[in-house]
C-alpha atoms as a PDB file:
ATOM      1  CA  MET A   1     -21.481  -5.381 -50.843  1.00  0.00           C
ATOM      2  CA  THR A   2     -23.283  -8.156 -48.957  1.00  0.00           C
ATOM      3  CA  GLY A   3     -20.478  -8.569 -46.442  1.00  0.00           C
ATOM      4  CA  ALA A   4     -20.155  -4.828 -45.887  1.00  0.00           C
ATOM      5  CA  ALA A   5     -23.919  -4.472 -45.413  1.00  0.00           C
ATOM      6  CA  LEU A   6     -24.059  -7.295 -42.873  1.00  0.00           C
ATOM      7  CA  ALA A   7     -21.052  -5.933 -40.999  1.00  0.00           C
ATOM      8  CA  ALA A   8     -22.564  -2.445 -40.889  1.00  0.00           C
ATOM      9  CA  SER A   9     -25.873  -3.872 -39.658  1.00  0.00           C
ATOM     10  CA  PHE A  10     -24.213  -5.077 -36.465  1.00  0.00           C
ATOM     11  CA  GLY A  11     -22.332  -1.819 -35.970  1.00  0.00           C
ATOM     12  CA  SER A  12     -23.299   1.414 -34.281  1.00  0.00           C
ATOM     13  CA  LEU A  13     -25.510   4.049 -35.873  1.00  0.00           C
ATOM     14  CA  LEU A  14     -22.335   5.900 -36.865  1.00  0.00           C
ATOM     15  CA  ILE A  15     -21.048   2.854 -38.771  1.00  0.00           C
ATOM     16  CA  GLN A  16     -24.428   2.413 -40.464  1.00  0.00           C
ATOM     17  CA  LEU A  17     -24.349   6.091 -41.400  1.00  0.00           C
ATOM     18  CA  GLY A  18     -20.889   5.639 -42.919  1.00  0.00           C
ATOM     19  CA  PHE A  19     -22.137   2.707 -44.989  1.00  0.00           C
ATOM     20  CA  ALA A  20     -25.090   4.785 -46.220  1.00  0.00           C
ATOM     21  CA  ILE A  21     -22.816   7.679 -47.171  1.00  0.00           C
ATOM     22  CA  LEU A  22     -20.600   5.404 -49.263  1.00  0.00           C
ATOM     23  CA  ALA A  23     -23.471   3.458 -50.821  1.00  0.00           C
ATOM     24  CA  ILE A  24     -25.834   6.332 -51.569  1.00  0.00           C
ATOM     25  CA  GLY A  25     -23.503   9.302 -51.715  1.00  0.00           C
ATOM     26  CA  VAL A  26     -20.750   7.749 -53.832  1.00  0.00           C
ATOM     27  CA  VAL A  27     -21.910   4.609 -55.669  1.00  0.00           C
ATOM     28  CA  GLY A  28     -25.555   5.635 -55.961  1.00  0.00           C
ATOM     29  CA  MET A  29     -24.703   9.116 -57.181  1.00  0.00           C
ATOM     30  CA  ALA A  30     -23.088   7.790 -60.357  1.00  0.00           C
ATOM     31  CA  HIS A  31     -26.365   7.408 -62.253  1.00  0.00           C
ATOM     32  CA  GLY A  32     -27.292  11.042 -61.674  1.00  0.00           C
ATOM     33  CA  ALA A  33     -23.835  12.256 -62.676  1.00  0.00           C
ATOM     34  CA  SER A  34     -24.767  11.773 -66.331  1.00  0.00           C
ATOM     35  CA  ASP A  35     -27.701  14.214 -66.150  1.00  0.00           C
ATOM     36  CA  LEU A  36     -25.823  16.862 -68.119  1.00  0.00           C
ATOM     37  CA  ALA A  37     -24.725  14.348 -70.757  1.00  0.00           C
ATOM     38  CA  ILE A  38     -28.301  13.551 -71.799  1.00  0.00           C
ATOM     39  CA  VAL A  39     -29.235  17.206 -72.317  1.00  0.00           C
ATOM     40  CA  GLU A  40     -28.870  18.780 -75.762  1.00  0.00           C
ATOM     41  CA  PRO A  41     -25.946  21.256 -75.794  1.00  0.00           C
ATOM     42  CA  ARG A  42     -28.140  24.234 -76.687  1.00  0.00           C
ATOM     43  CA  ARG A  43     -30.336  23.613 -73.623  1.00  0.00           C
ATOM     44  CA  ARG A  44     -27.522  23.046 -71.134  1.00  0.00           C
ATOM     45  CA  PRO A  45     -27.194  26.669 -69.878  1.00  0.00           C
ATOM     46  CA  LEU A  46     -30.878  26.777 -68.862  1.00  0.00           C
ATOM     47  CA  PHE A  47     -30.596  23.265 -67.436  1.00  0.00           C
ATOM     48  CA  LEU A  48     -27.635  24.244 -65.243  1.00  0.00           C
ATOM     49  CA  ILE A  49     -29.363  27.418 -64.033  1.00  0.00           C
ATOM     50  CA  LEU A  50     -32.504  25.517 -63.010  1.00  0.00           C
ATOM     51  CA  TYR A  51     -30.461  22.674 -61.526  1.00  0.00           C
ATOM     52  CA  ALA A  52     -28.496  25.093 -59.337  1.00  0.00           C
ATOM     53  CA  ALA A  53     -31.626  27.044 -58.377  1.00  0.00           C
ATOM     54  CA  ILE A  54     -33.502  23.950 -57.188  1.00  0.00           C
ATOM     55  CA  SER A  55     -30.434  22.790 -55.290  1.00  0.00           C
ATOM     56  CA  LEU A  56     -30.087  26.132 -53.491  1.00  0.00           C
ATOM     57  CA  ILE A  57     -33.809  26.284 -52.694  1.00  0.00           C
ATOM     58  CA  CYS A  58     -33.580  22.767 -51.315  1.00  0.00           C
ATOM     59  CA  LEU A  59     -30.651  23.742 -49.086  1.00  0.00           C
ATOM     60  CA  ALA A  60     -32.545  26.790 -47.843  1.00  0.00           C
ATOM     61  CA  TRP A  61     -35.499  24.596 -46.879  1.00  0.00           C
ATOM     62  CA  TRP A  62     -33.267  22.088 -45.106  1.00  0.00           C
ATOM     63  CA  THR A  63     -31.551  24.937 -43.239  1.00  0.00           C
ATOM     64  CA  GLY A  64     -34.662  26.769 -42.083  1.00  0.00           C
ATOM     65  CA  TYR A  65     -37.493  24.252 -42.241  1.00  0.00           C
ATOM     66  CA  PRO A  66     -36.169  20.668 -42.104  1.00  0.00           C
ATOM     67  CA  GLN A  67     -39.504  19.434 -40.767  1.00  0.00           C
ATOM     68  CA  VAL A  68     -41.064  20.563 -44.073  1.00  0.00           C
ATOM     69  CA  ALA A  69     -38.140  19.624 -46.313  1.00  0.00           C
ATOM     70  CA  LEU A  70     -38.078  16.006 -45.112  1.00  0.00           C
ATOM     71  CA  PRO A  71     -41.646  14.986 -46.090  1.00  0.00           C
ATOM     72  CA  LEU A  72     -41.377  16.849 -49.395  1.00  0.00           C
ATOM     73  CA  PHE A  73     -38.135  15.014 -50.159  1.00  0.00           C
ATOM     74  CA  LEU A  74     -39.643  11.636 -49.242  1.00  0.00           C
ATOM     75  CA  ILE A  75     -42.754  12.253 -51.361  1.00  0.00           C
ATOM     76  CA  ALA A  76     -40.704  13.404 -54.364  1.00  0.00           C
ATOM     77  CA  SER A  77     -38.417  10.385 -53.977  1.00  0.00           C
ATOM     78  CA  ALA A  78     -41.364   7.981 -53.829  1.00  0.00           C
ATOM     79  CA  ILE A  79     -42.835   9.438 -57.031  1.00  0.00           C
ATOM     80  CA  HIS A  80     -39.431   9.253 -58.728  1.00  0.00           C
ATOM     81  CA  PHE A  81     -38.864   5.629 -57.705  1.00  0.00           C
ATOM     82  CA  GLY A  82     -42.335   4.615 -58.839  1.00  0.00           C
ATOM     83  CA  VAL A  83     -41.977   6.219 -62.257  1.00  0.00           C
ATOM     84  CA  GLU A  84     -38.413   5.091 -63.007  1.00  0.00           C
ATOM     85  CA  ASP A  85     -38.363   1.646 -61.392  1.00  0.00           C
ATOM     86  CA  ALA A  86     -41.617   0.448 -62.957  1.00  0.00           C
ATOM     87  CA  PRO A  87     -41.890   2.406 -66.243  1.00  0.00           C
ATOM     88  CA  ASP A  88     -44.099  -0.221 -67.879  1.00  0.00           C
ATOM     89  CA  GLY A  89     -45.965  -1.267 -64.747  1.00  0.00           C
ATOM     90  CA  SER A  90     -49.562  -0.659 -63.804  1.00  0.00           C
ATOM     91  CA  LEU A  91     -50.565   2.306 -61.658  1.00  0.00           C
ATOM     92  CA  TRP A  92     -50.703   0.053 -58.593  1.00  0.00           C
ATOM     93  CA  GLU A  93     -47.238  -1.312 -59.272  1.00  0.00           C
ATOM     94  CA  ARG A  94     -45.824   2.183 -59.632  1.00  0.00           C
ATOM     95  CA  VAL A  95     -47.438   3.282 -56.377  1.00  0.00           C
ATOM     96  CA  ALA A  96     -46.144   0.187 -54.600  1.00  0.00           C
ATOM     97  CA  ARG A  97     -42.618   0.541 -55.990  1.00  0.00           C
ATOM     98  CA  GLY A  98     -42.546   4.197 -54.984  1.00  0.00           C
ATOM     99  CA  LEU A  99     -43.735   3.622 -51.420  1.00  0.00           C
ATOM    100  CA  PHE A 100     -41.674   0.459 -51.123  1.00  0.00           C
ATOM    101  CA  LEU A 101     -38.209   2.021 -50.892  1.00  0.00           C
ATOM    102  CA  VAL A 102     -39.322   4.894 -48.675  1.00  0.00           C
ATOM    103  CA  THR A 103     -41.561   3.136 -46.124  1.00  0.00           C
ATOM    104  CA  THR A 104     -40.630  -0.564 -45.969  1.00  0.00           C
ATOM    105  CA  PRO A 105     -37.739   0.014 -43.502  1.00  0.00           C
ATOM    106  CA  ALA A 106     -40.389   1.097 -40.974  1.00  0.00           C
ATOM    107  CA  VAL A 107     -42.155  -2.289 -40.991  1.00  0.00           C
ATOM    108  CA  LEU A 108     -39.793  -4.181 -38.659  1.00  0.00           C
ATOM    109  CA  HIS A 109     -37.664  -1.264 -37.470  1.00  0.00           C
ATOM    110  CA  GLN A 110     -40.242   1.384 -36.606  1.00  0.00           C
ATOM    111  CA  GLN A 111     -38.306   2.761 -33.637  1.00  0.00           C
ATOM    112  CA  GLY A 112     -35.007   3.040 -35.523  1.00  0.00           C
ATOM    113  CA  TYR A 113     -36.814   4.490 -38.541  1.00  0.00           C
ATOM    114  CA  GLY A 114     -38.409   7.102 -36.303  1.00  0.00           C
ATOM    115  CA  ILE A 115     -35.095   8.036 -34.676  1.00  0.00           C
ATOM    116  CA  ILE A 116     -33.439   8.580 -38.056  1.00  0.00           C
ATOM    117  CA  LEU A 117     -36.293  10.728 -39.362  1.00  0.00           C
ATOM    118  CA  SER A 118     -36.359  12.682 -36.086  1.00  0.00           C
ATOM    119  CA  PHE A 119     -32.691  13.575 -36.465  1.00  0.00           C
ATOM    120  CA  ALA A 120     -33.302  14.521 -40.107  1.00  0.00           C
ATOM    121  CA  ALA A 121     -36.365  16.661 -39.400  1.00  0.00           C
ATOM    122  CA  GLY A 122     -35.086  18.257 -36.215  1.00  0.00           C
ATOM    123  CA  ASN A 123     -38.068  17.217 -34.122  1.00  0.00           C
ATOM    124  CA  GLU A 124     -39.857  14.074 -33.007  1.00  0.00           C
ATOM    125  CA  ILE A 125     -41.902  12.223 -35.611  1.00  0.00           C
ATOM    126  CA  ALA A 126     -45.537  11.710 -34.636  1.00  0.00           C
ATOM    127  CA  PRO A 127     -46.357   8.097 -33.681  1.00  0.00           C
ATOM    128  CA  LEU A 128     -49.315   8.180 -36.086  1.00  0.00           C
ATOM    129  CA  ALA A 129     -47.005   9.054 -38.993  1.00  0.00           C
ATOM    130  CA  LEU A 130     -44.685   6.176 -38.094  1.00  0.00           C
ATOM    131  CA  SER A 131     -47.613   3.768 -37.835  1.00  0.00           C
ATOM    132  CA  MET A 132     -48.904   4.888 -41.234  1.00  0.00           C
ATOM    133  CA  ALA A 133     -45.432   4.473 -42.753  1.00  0.00           C
ATOM    134  CA  SER A 134     -45.202   0.983 -41.268  1.00  0.00           C
ATOM    135  CA  ILE A 135     -48.605  -0.026 -42.651  1.00  0.00           C
ATOM    136  CA  MET A 136     -47.904   1.415 -46.107  1.00  0.00           C
ATOM    137  CA  GLY A 137     -44.491  -0.218 -46.111  1.00  0.00           C
ATOM    138  CA  GLY A 138     -45.975  -3.588 -45.195  1.00  0.00           C
ATOM    139  CA  VAL A 139     -48.604  -3.420 -47.928  1.00  0.00           C
ATOM    140  CA  ALA A 140     -46.064  -2.239 -50.515  1.00  0.00           C
ATOM    141  CA  ALA A 141     -43.566  -4.929 -49.493  1.00  0.00           C
ATOM    142  CA  ALA A 142     -46.219  -7.655 -49.764  1.00  0.00           C
ATOM    143  CA  PHE A 143     -47.201  -6.408 -53.227  1.00  0.00           C
ATOM    144  CA  VAL A 144     -43.592  -6.234 -54.451  1.00  0.00           C
ATOM    145  CA  LEU A 145     -42.748  -9.613 -52.913  1.00  0.00           C
ATOM    146  CA  ALA A 146     -45.683 -11.167 -54.782  1.00  0.00           C
ATOM    147  CA  LEU A 147     -44.398  -9.596 -58.009  1.00  0.00           C
ATOM    148  CA  ALA A 148     -40.890 -10.883 -57.315  1.00  0.00           C
ATOM    149  CA  LEU A 149     -42.115 -14.434 -56.798  1.00  0.00           C
ATOM    150  CA  GLN A 150     -44.414 -14.299 -59.829  1.00  0.00           C
ATOM    151  CA  ARG A 151     -41.656 -12.943 -62.093  1.00  0.00           C
ATOM    152  CA  ARG A 152     -38.849 -14.884 -60.410  1.00  0.00           C
ATOM    153  CA  ASP A 153     -37.027 -11.593 -60.034  1.00  0.00           C
ATOM    154  CA  GLY A 154     -33.991 -12.076 -57.811  1.00  0.00           C
ATOM    155  CA  HIS A 155     -33.262  -8.363 -57.566  1.00  0.00           C
ATOM    156  CA  LEU A 156     -36.719  -7.650 -56.160  1.00  0.00           C
ATOM    157  CA  LEU A 157     -36.298 -10.485 -53.658  1.00  0.00           C
ATOM    158  CA  ILE A 158     -32.915  -9.172 -52.518  1.00  0.00           C
ATOM    159  CA  GLY A 159     -34.232  -5.631 -52.266  1.00  0.00           C
ATOM    160  CA  THR A 160     -37.296  -6.722 -50.309  1.00  0.00           C
ATOM    161  CA  GLY A 161     -35.219  -8.771 -47.895  1.00  0.00           C
ATOM    162  CA  ALA A 162     -32.751  -5.934 -47.333  1.00  0.00           C
ATOM    163  CA  LEU A 163     -35.441  -3.324 -46.749  1.00  0.00           C
ATOM    164  CA  LEU A 164     -37.341  -5.541 -44.318  1.00  0.00           C
ATOM    165  CA  ILE A 165     -34.549  -7.178 -42.347  1.00  0.00           C
ATOM    166  CA  LEU A 166     -31.545  -4.851 -42.244  1.00  0.00           C
ATOM    167  CA  PRO A 167     -31.487  -1.672 -40.111  1.00  0.00           C
ATOM    168  CA  PRO A 168     -33.134   1.278 -41.903  1.00  0.00           C
ATOM    169  CA  LEU A 169     -30.010   3.106 -43.107  1.00  0.00           C
ATOM    170  CA  VAL A 170     -28.340  -0.086 -44.309  1.00  0.00           C
ATOM    171  CA  GLY A 171     -31.516  -1.649 -45.699  1.00  0.00           C
ATOM    172  CA  PHE A 172     -32.454   1.446 -47.663  1.00  0.00           C
ATOM    173  CA  SER A 173     -28.913   1.779 -49.015  1.00  0.00           C
ATOM    174  CA  VAL A 174     -28.893  -1.805 -50.312  1.00  0.00           C
ATOM    175  CA  GLY A 175     -32.432  -1.541 -51.672  1.00  0.00           C
ATOM    176  CA  PHE A 176     -31.652   1.786 -53.328  1.00  0.00           C
ATOM    177  CA  LEU A 177     -28.572   0.384 -55.050  1.00  0.00           C
ATOM    178  CA  VAL A 178     -30.076  -2.940 -56.143  1.00  0.00           C
ATOM    179  CA  LEU A 179     -33.485  -1.683 -57.239  1.00  0.00           C
ATOM    180  CA  HIS A 180     -32.825   1.853 -58.454  1.00  0.00           C
ATOM    181  CA  ALA A 181     -29.293   3.224 -58.735  1.00  0.00           C
ATOM    182  CA  LEU A 182     -27.547   0.313 -60.454  1.00  0.00           C
ATOM    183  CA  PRO A 183     -30.394  -0.455 -62.934  1.00  0.00           C
ATOM    184  CA  GLN A 184     -30.671   3.253 -63.769  1.00  0.00           C
ATOM    185  CA  THR A 185     -26.904   3.418 -64.271  1.00  0.00           C
ATOM    186  CA  ASP A 186     -27.216   0.583 -66.797  1.00  0.00           C
ATOM    187  CA  ILE A 187     -29.935   2.520 -68.618  1.00  0.00           C
ATOM    188  CA  ARG A 188     -27.903   5.730 -68.614  1.00  0.00           C
ATOM    189  CA  ARG A 189     -24.802   3.874 -69.810  1.00  0.00           C
ATOM    190  CA  ALA A 190     -26.767   2.574 -72.792  1.00  0.00           C
ATOM    191  CA  GLU A 191     -28.388   5.964 -73.467  1.00  0.00           C
ATOM    192  CA  ILE A 192     -25.123   7.849 -73.724  1.00  0.00           C
ATOM    193  CA  GLY A 193     -23.408   5.062 -75.628  1.00  0.00           C
ATOM    194  CA  CYS A 194     -20.774   3.904 -73.143  1.00  0.00           C
ATOM    195  CA  ALA A 195     -19.615   0.376 -73.891  1.00  0.00           C
ATOM    196  CA  SER A 196     -18.467  -0.411 -70.350  1.00  0.00           C
ATOM    197  CA  TYR A 197     -18.768   0.801 -66.786  1.00  0.00           C
ATOM    198  CA  ARG A 198     -15.192   2.045 -66.968  1.00  0.00           C
ATOM    199  CA  ALA A 199     -16.079   4.180 -69.980  1.00  0.00           C
ATOM    200  CA  TYR A 200     -19.164   5.477 -68.179  1.00  0.00           C
ATOM    201  CA  VAL A 201     -17.188   6.429 -65.074  1.00  0.00           C
ATOM    202  CA  ARG A 202     -14.579   8.158 -67.236  1.00  0.00           C
ATOM    203  CA  ALA A 203     -17.311  10.054 -69.060  1.00  0.00           C
ATOM    204  CA  VAL A 204     -19.045  11.333 -65.931  1.00  0.00           C
ATOM    205  CA  ALA A 205     -15.975  11.565 -63.669  1.00  0.00           C
ATOM    206  CA  PRO A 206     -15.734  15.399 -63.600  1.00  0.00           C
ATOM    207  CA  ILE A 207     -19.438  15.790 -62.781  1.00  0.00           C
ATOM    208  CA  LEU A 208     -19.359  12.920 -60.290  1.00  0.00           C
ATOM    209  CA  LEU A 209     -16.349  14.386 -58.508  1.00  0.00           C
ATOM    210  CA  ALA A 210     -18.005  17.809 -58.363  1.00  0.00           C
ATOM    211  CA  ALA A 211     -21.209  16.236 -57.020  1.00  0.00           C
ATOM    212  CA  ILE A 212     -19.305  14.378 -54.302  1.00  0.00           C
ATOM    213  CA  ILE A 213     -17.479  17.568 -53.289  1.00  0.00           C
ATOM    214  CA  ILE A 214     -20.750  19.527 -53.160  1.00  0.00           C
ATOM    215  CA  ALA A 215     -22.526  16.819 -51.162  1.00  0.00           C
ATOM    216  CA  ALA A 216     -19.572  16.518 -48.777  1.00  0.00           C
ATOM    217  CA  SER A 217     -19.460  20.294 -48.269  1.00  0.00           C
ATOM    218  CA  VAL A 218     -23.178  20.457 -47.571  1.00  0.00           C
ATOM    219  CA  GLY A 219     -22.897  17.470 -45.265  1.00  0.00           C
ATOM    220  CA  ALA A 220     -20.040  19.069 -43.329  1.00  0.00           C
ATOM    221  CA  LEU A 221     -22.067  22.252 -42.869  1.00  0.00           C
ATOM    222  CA  PHE A 222     -25.096  20.401 -41.544  1.00  0.00           C
ATOM    223  CA  PHE A 223     -22.958  18.094 -39.406  1.00  0.00           C
ATOM    224  CA  TYR A 224     -21.514  21.191 -37.738  1.00  0.00           C
ATOM    225  CA  ARG A 225     -25.037  22.502 -37.091  1.00  0.00           C
ATOM    226  CA  GLU A 226     -26.733  19.259 -36.037  1.00  0.00           C
ATOM    227  CA  GLY A 227     -24.013  16.908 -34.794  1.00  0.00           C
ATOM    228  CA  THR A 228     -25.285  13.408 -35.606  1.00  0.00           C
ATOM    229  CA  GLY A 229     -24.626  13.386 -39.350  1.00  0.00           C
ATOM    230  CA  ILE A 230     -28.147  12.146 -40.148  1.00  0.00           C
ATOM    231  CA  ARG A 231     -29.474  15.488 -41.352  1.00  0.00           C
ATOM    232  CA  ALA A 232     -26.160  16.064 -43.112  1.00  0.00           C
ATOM    233  CA  LEU A 233     -26.732  12.865 -45.117  1.00  0.00           C
ATOM    234  CA  PHE A 234     -30.315  13.800 -46.010  1.00  0.00           C
ATOM    235  CA  ALA A 235     -29.489  17.419 -46.881  1.00  0.00           C
ATOM    236  CA  GLY A 236     -26.411  16.542 -48.929  1.00  0.00           C
ATOM    237  CA  ILE A 237     -28.225  13.894 -50.926  1.00  0.00           C
ATOM    238  CA  ALA A 238     -31.367  16.016 -51.315  1.00  0.00           C
ATOM    239  CA  ALA A 239     -29.383  18.994 -52.636  1.00  0.00           C
ATOM    240  CA  LEU A 240     -28.386  16.871 -55.637  1.00  0.00           C
ATOM    241  CA  ALA A 241     -31.354  14.516 -55.779  1.00  0.00           C
ATOM    242  CA  MET A 242     -34.123  17.125 -55.947  1.00  0.00           C
ATOM    243  CA  PRO A 243     -32.862  18.773 -59.166  1.00  0.00           C
ATOM    244  CA  HIS A 244     -32.272  15.260 -60.534  1.00  0.00           C
ATOM    245  CA  LEU A 245     -35.918  14.459 -59.748  1.00  0.00           C
ATOM    246  CA  LEU A 246     -37.510  17.747 -60.773  1.00  0.00           C
ATOM    247  CA  VAL A 247     -35.348  19.266 -63.532  1.00  0.00           C
ATOM    248  CA  THR A 248     -33.741  16.434 -65.494  1.00  0.00           C
ATOM    249  CA  PRO A 249     -36.986  14.789 -66.744  1.00  0.00           C
ATOM    250  CA  TRP A 250     -37.887  17.999 -68.611  1.00  0.00           C
ATOM    251  CA  PHE A 251     -34.566  18.115 -70.451  1.00  0.00           C
ATOM    252  CA  GLU A 252     -33.862  14.474 -71.231  1.00  0.00           C
ATOM    253  CA  GLY A 253     -32.625  13.814 -74.741  1.00  0.00           C
ATOM    254  CA  ARG A 254     -30.887  10.881 -76.392  1.00  0.00           C
ATOM    255  CA  MET A 255     -27.343  12.190 -76.483  1.00  0.00           C
ATOM    256  CA  ARG A 256     -24.510   9.796 -77.231  1.00  0.00           C
ATOM    257  CA  PHE A 257     -21.708  10.955 -74.989  1.00  0.00           C
ATOM    258  CA  CYS A 258     -19.445   7.927 -75.353  1.00  0.00           C
ATOM    259  CA  THR A 259     -18.574   6.391 -78.695  1.00  0.00           C
ATOM    260  CA  MET A 260     -16.549   3.300 -79.393  1.00  0.00           C
ATOM    261  CA  THR A 261     -13.556   3.512 -81.698  1.00  0.00           C
ATOM    262  CA  MET A 262     -14.040   0.310 -83.647  1.00  0.00           C
ATOM    263  CA  GLY A 263     -11.147  -2.104 -83.962  1.00  0.00           C
ATOM    264  CA  LYS A 264      -8.995  -0.475 -81.286  1.00  0.00           C
ATOM    265  CA  GLY A 265     -11.122  -1.017 -78.208  1.00  0.00           C
ATOM    266  CA  ARG A 266     -10.662   2.589 -77.117  1.00  0.00           C
ATOM    267  CA  VAL A 267     -13.412   4.797 -75.782  1.00  0.00           C
ATOM    268  CA  THR A 268     -13.524   8.440 -76.746  1.00  0.00           C
ATOM    269  CA  LEU A 269     -15.883  11.134 -75.507  1.00  0.00           C
ATOM    270  CA  SER A 270     -18.076  13.208 -77.744  1.00  0.00           C
ATOM    271  CA  SER A 271     -21.332  15.096 -77.581  1.00  0.00           C
END
């Protein structure tokens, strides 16, 4: 991943967008693909209805009011990151971890950050908003960097470096994977009882494939409408991320979806 991230960083915006699509839209999506597996069977119909409803509402907002959908998506993402990435942390740590992923790319790349958000929102981002994002990102990065040094946490150091130094799309993708998606995949793998990553991927493969197809379809629609692919990335990810952020926490259970067959090393699926 390091080599690919560095190579993408020196490429065009289109290459950086391609890296983000692969990192966020394929690898990063795996942890959310197990949402259905952690819901009790009797509650799954309601879960699916609400999941689809939030996704459709999200798409409607991105179609008609992207300038409203973008800040709502960023705020919801920041809250989600703060809660999940620092579950045992203090309030200040949760706030910092939430703001960190969303705003730190603006610290050293304010112009590029603004261009990306402008494409996503459909209009120019106010300079004051970019300055505020840069300041919040700097404060959050300093706080998280201090935590990383105090705890000797290599993942936090890598994430901080990526978010600060690499171009916004690439830096966020690396930070998202290292600090959120991969750790949350480990947690989900343990929750549903999968003994290996291969077993986890096998367990969630149908949902993951469906999610990728949905995100790709949404992305293609928005790419046709907007042309750069930036809003397509945001809308496609948001259509799946918003129900993951808003619906799943209310339905989480401790289902064991994968079980090991002792003595034979085979993984079977059950619920």
